[in-house]
Amino acid sequence: MTKHRIYTTSFASVYPHYVTKAEKKGRSKEEVDEIIRWLTGYSQEKLAEILENKTDFETFFSEAPEMNPSRDLIKGVICGIRVENIEEPLMQEIRYLDKLIDELAKGKAMEKILRK
């Protein structure tokens, strides 16, 4: 079975799209970074290193220091698919991130996005 193309795509190539999506709706790069750190446990310094090294999505998630245990509270539809029903673990992690960025762009409060 071949890997989905997103798995080998560099995180750095998609990251600017997350930031642009948020900024178009009046949100900030800092909020995008906070969401990524919350989800993965990466520090801001390590996130910068990942972007600089053009780490792929598969490595980005497999080497995440601590995936947030509250991420299973992320529910809803992204790209026409319910994130809670995605069976492939890596794809589910990627879609969790997509969903969080989507919530940010839709104006949801950070406390709610971060499931506090």
C-alpha atoms as a PDB file:
ATOM      1  CA  MET A   1       0.000   0.000   0.000  1.00  0.00           C
ATOM      2  CA  THR A   2       1.425   3.383  -0.951  1.00  0.00           C
ATOM      3  CA  LYS A   3       1.526   6.210   1.538  1.00  0.00           C
ATOM      4  CA  HIS A   4      -0.846   9.096   1.143  1.00  0.00           C
ATOM      5  CA  ARG A   5       0.980  12.026  -0.454  1.00  0.00           C
ATOM      6  CA  ILE A   6       0.410  14.296   2.570  1.00  0.00           C
ATOM      7  CA  TYR A   7       2.554  11.978   4.739  1.00  0.00           C
ATOM      8  CA  THR A   8       5.673  12.760   2.709  1.00  0.00           C
ATOM      9  CA  THR A   9       4.813  16.435   2.210  1.00  0.00           C
ATOM     10  CA  SER A  10       6.931  18.811   4.268  1.00  0.00           C
ATOM     11  CA  PHE A  11       5.129  20.409   7.166  1.00  0.00           C
ATOM     12  CA  ALA A  12       6.853  23.687   6.207  1.00  0.00           C
ATOM     13  CA  SER A  13       5.089  23.690   2.829  1.00  0.00           C
ATOM     14  CA  VAL A  14       1.625  23.578   4.444  1.00  0.00           C
ATOM     15  CA  TYR A  15       2.321  25.714   7.523  1.00  0.00           C
ATOM     16  CA  PRO A  16       2.101  29.060   5.615  1.00  0.00           C
ATOM     17  CA  HIS A  17      -1.386  28.045   4.459  1.00  0.00           C
ATOM     18  CA  TYR A  18      -2.456  27.506   8.087  1.00  0.00           C
ATOM     19  CA  VAL A  19      -1.114  30.969   8.972  1.00  0.00           C
ATOM     20  CA  THR A  20      -2.701  32.633   5.929  1.00  0.00           C
ATOM     21  CA  LYS A  21      -6.071  31.034   6.658  1.00  0.00           C
ATOM     22  CA  ALA A  22      -5.945  32.320  10.236  1.00  0.00           C
ATOM     23  CA  GLU A  23      -4.673  35.799   9.337  1.00  0.00           C
ATOM     24  CA  LYS A  24      -7.350  36.303   6.659  1.00  0.00           C
ATOM     25  CA  LYS A  25      -9.880  35.983   9.479  1.00  0.00           C
ATOM     26  CA  GLY A  26      -8.068  38.342  11.844  1.00  0.00           C
ATOM     27  CA  ARG A  27      -6.229  35.696  13.836  1.00  0.00           C
ATOM     28  CA  SER A  28      -2.450  35.452  14.306  1.00  0.00           C
ATOM     29  CA  LYS A  29       0.543  33.266  13.501  1.00  0.00           C
ATOM     30  CA  GLU A  30       1.127  33.099  17.268  1.00  0.00           C
ATOM     31  CA  GLU A  31      -2.299  31.511  17.732  1.00  0.00           C
ATOM     32  CA  VAL A  32      -1.534  28.972  14.978  1.00  0.00           C
ATOM     33  CA  ASP A  33       1.739  28.132  16.733  1.00  0.00           C
ATOM     34  CA  GLU A  34      -0.033  27.827  20.090  1.00  0.00           C
ATOM     35  CA  ILE A  35      -2.479  25.326  18.577  1.00  0.00           C
ATOM     36  CA  ILE A  36       0.366  23.288  17.077  1.00  0.00           C
ATOM     37  CA  ARG A  37       2.270  23.295  20.391  1.00  0.00           C
ATOM     38  CA  TRP A  38      -0.898  22.304  22.290  1.00  0.00           C
ATOM     39  CA  LEU A  39      -1.595  19.402  19.936  1.00  0.00           C
ATOM     40  CA  THR A  40       1.948  18.039  19.647  1.00  0.00           C
ATOM     41  CA  GLY A  41       3.923  19.133  22.700  1.00  0.00           C
ATOM     42  CA  TYR A  42       6.621  20.749  20.547  1.00  0.00           C
ATOM     43  CA  SER A  43       8.369  23.844  21.906  1.00  0.00           C
ATOM     44  CA  GLN A  44       8.410  27.021  19.812  1.00  0.00           C
ATOM     45  CA  GLU A  45      12.133  26.468  19.173  1.00  0.00           C
ATOM     46  CA  LYS A  46      11.606  22.901  17.984  1.00  0.00           C
ATOM     47  CA  LEU A  47       8.716  24.011  15.772  1.00  0.00           C
ATOM     48  CA  ALA A  48      11.025  26.572  14.129  1.00  0.00           C
ATOM     49  CA  GLU A  49      13.612  23.827  13.585  1.00  0.00           C
ATOM     50  CA  ILE A  50      11.007  21.538  11.991  1.00  0.00           C
ATOM     51  CA  LEU A  51       9.991  24.307   9.602  1.00  0.00           C
ATOM     52  CA  GLU A  52      13.610  25.063   8.738  1.00  0.00           C
ATOM     53  CA  ASN A  53      14.466  21.376   8.159  1.00  0.00           C
ATOM     54  CA  LYS A  54      11.321  20.823   6.043  1.00  0.00           C
ATOM     55  CA  THR A  55      10.310  17.803   8.145  1.00  0.00           C
ATOM     56  CA  ASP A  56       7.537  15.730   6.550  1.00  0.00           C
ATOM     57  CA  PHE A  57       4.144  15.239   8.181  1.00  0.00           C
ATOM     58  CA  GLU A  58       4.803  11.602   9.062  1.00  0.00           C
ATOM     59  CA  THR A  59       7.994  12.499  10.958  1.00  0.00           C
ATOM     60  CA  PHE A  60       6.400  15.629  12.422  1.00  0.00           C
ATOM     61  CA  PHE A  61       3.703  13.575  14.130  1.00  0.00           C
ATOM     62  CA  SER A  62       5.757  10.448  14.898  1.00  0.00           C
ATOM     63  CA  GLU A  63       8.407  12.527  16.704  1.00  0.00           C
ATOM     64  CA  ALA A  64       5.952  14.794  18.527  1.00  0.00           C
ATOM     65  CA  PRO A  65       7.038  14.977  22.182  1.00  0.00           C
ATOM     66  CA  GLU A  66       3.543  14.487  23.599  1.00  0.00           C
ATOM     67  CA  MET A  67       0.333  14.365  21.630  1.00  0.00           C
ATOM     68  CA  ASN A  68      -2.313  16.077  23.743  1.00  0.00           C
ATOM     69  CA  PRO A  69      -4.598  13.507  25.380  1.00  0.00           C
ATOM     70  CA  SER A  70      -7.545  15.924  24.993  1.00  0.00           C
ATOM     71  CA  ARG A  71      -7.313  15.740  21.196  1.00  0.00           C
ATOM     72  CA  ASP A  72      -9.937  12.990  21.201  1.00  0.00           C
ATOM     73  CA  LEU A  73     -12.385  15.757  22.177  1.00  0.00           C
ATOM     74  CA  ILE A  74     -11.921  17.250  18.704  1.00  0.00           C
ATOM     75  CA  LYS A  75     -15.086  16.448  16.784  1.00  0.00           C
ATOM     76  CA  GLY A  76     -16.633  17.598  13.568  1.00  0.00           C
ATOM     77  CA  VAL A  77     -16.237  17.555   9.822  1.00  0.00           C
ATOM     78  CA  ILE A  78     -13.163  18.562   7.847  1.00  0.00           C
ATOM     79  CA  CYS A  79     -12.929  17.993   4.096  1.00  0.00           C
ATOM     80  CA  GLY A  80     -16.315  16.252   4.273  1.00  0.00           C
ATOM     81  CA  ILE A  81     -15.107  13.620   6.755  1.00  0.00           C
ATOM     82  CA  ARG A  82     -15.839  13.351  10.475  1.00  0.00           C
ATOM     83  CA  VAL A  83     -12.451  13.537  12.212  1.00  0.00           C
ATOM     84  CA  GLU A  84     -13.531  11.244  15.024  1.00  0.00           C
ATOM     85  CA  ASN A  85     -14.307   8.472  12.496  1.00  0.00           C
ATOM     86  CA  ILE A  86     -10.964   8.475  10.667  1.00  0.00           C
ATOM     87  CA  GLU A  87      -9.390   5.065  11.201  1.00  0.00           C
ATOM     88  CA  GLU A  88      -5.846   5.714   9.911  1.00  0.00           C
ATOM     89  CA  PRO A  89      -4.051   7.186  12.988  1.00  0.00           C
ATOM     90  CA  LEU A  90      -1.665   9.513  11.135  1.00  0.00           C
ATOM     91  CA  MET A  91      -4.415  10.871   8.897  1.00  0.00           C
ATOM     92  CA  GLN A  92      -6.542  11.470  11.982  1.00  0.00           C
ATOM     93  CA  GLU A  93      -3.731  13.492  13.614  1.00  0.00           C
ATOM     94  CA  ILE A  94      -3.359  15.595  10.446  1.00  0.00           C
ATOM     95  CA  ARG A  95      -7.120  16.185  10.295  1.00  0.00           C
ATOM     96  CA  TYR A  96      -7.216  17.096  14.000  1.00  0.00           C
ATOM     97  CA  LEU A  97      -4.746  19.872  13.209  1.00  0.00           C
ATOM     98  CA  ASP A  98      -6.770  20.922  10.158  1.00  0.00           C
ATOM     99  CA  LYS A  99      -9.917  21.068  12.288  1.00  0.00           C
ATOM    100  CA  LEU A 100      -8.250  23.187  14.982  1.00  0.00           C
ATOM    101  CA  ILE A 101      -6.966  25.680  12.398  1.00  0.00           C
ATOM    102  CA  ASP A 102     -10.445  25.737  10.850  1.00  0.00           C
ATOM    103  CA  GLU A 103     -11.980  26.532  14.247  1.00  0.00           C
ATOM    104  CA  LEU A 104      -9.444  29.349  14.711  1.00  0.00           C
ATOM    105  CA  ALA A 105     -10.316  30.820  11.308  1.00  0.00           C
ATOM    106  CA  LYS A 106     -14.019  30.642  12.159  1.00  0.00           C
ATOM    107  CA  GLY A 107     -13.464  32.869  15.185  1.00  0.00           C
ATOM    108  CA  LYS A 108     -13.747  30.301  17.948  1.00  0.00           C
ATOM    109  CA  ALA A 109     -12.164  31.340  21.266  1.00  0.00           C
ATOM    110  CA  MET A 110      -8.740  29.848  22.005  1.00  0.00           C
ATOM    111  CA  GLU A 111     -10.007  28.343  25.289  1.00  0.00           C
ATOM    112  CA  LYS A 112     -12.588  26.352  23.325  1.00  0.00           C
ATOM    113  CA  ILE A 113     -10.149  25.394  20.545  1.00  0.00           C
ATOM    114  CA  LEU A 114      -7.692  24.099  23.153  1.00  0.00           C
ATOM    115  CA  ARG A 115     -10.489  22.188  24.883  1.00  0.00           C
ATOM    116  CA  LYS A 116      -9.940  23.939  28.238  1.00  0.00           C
END
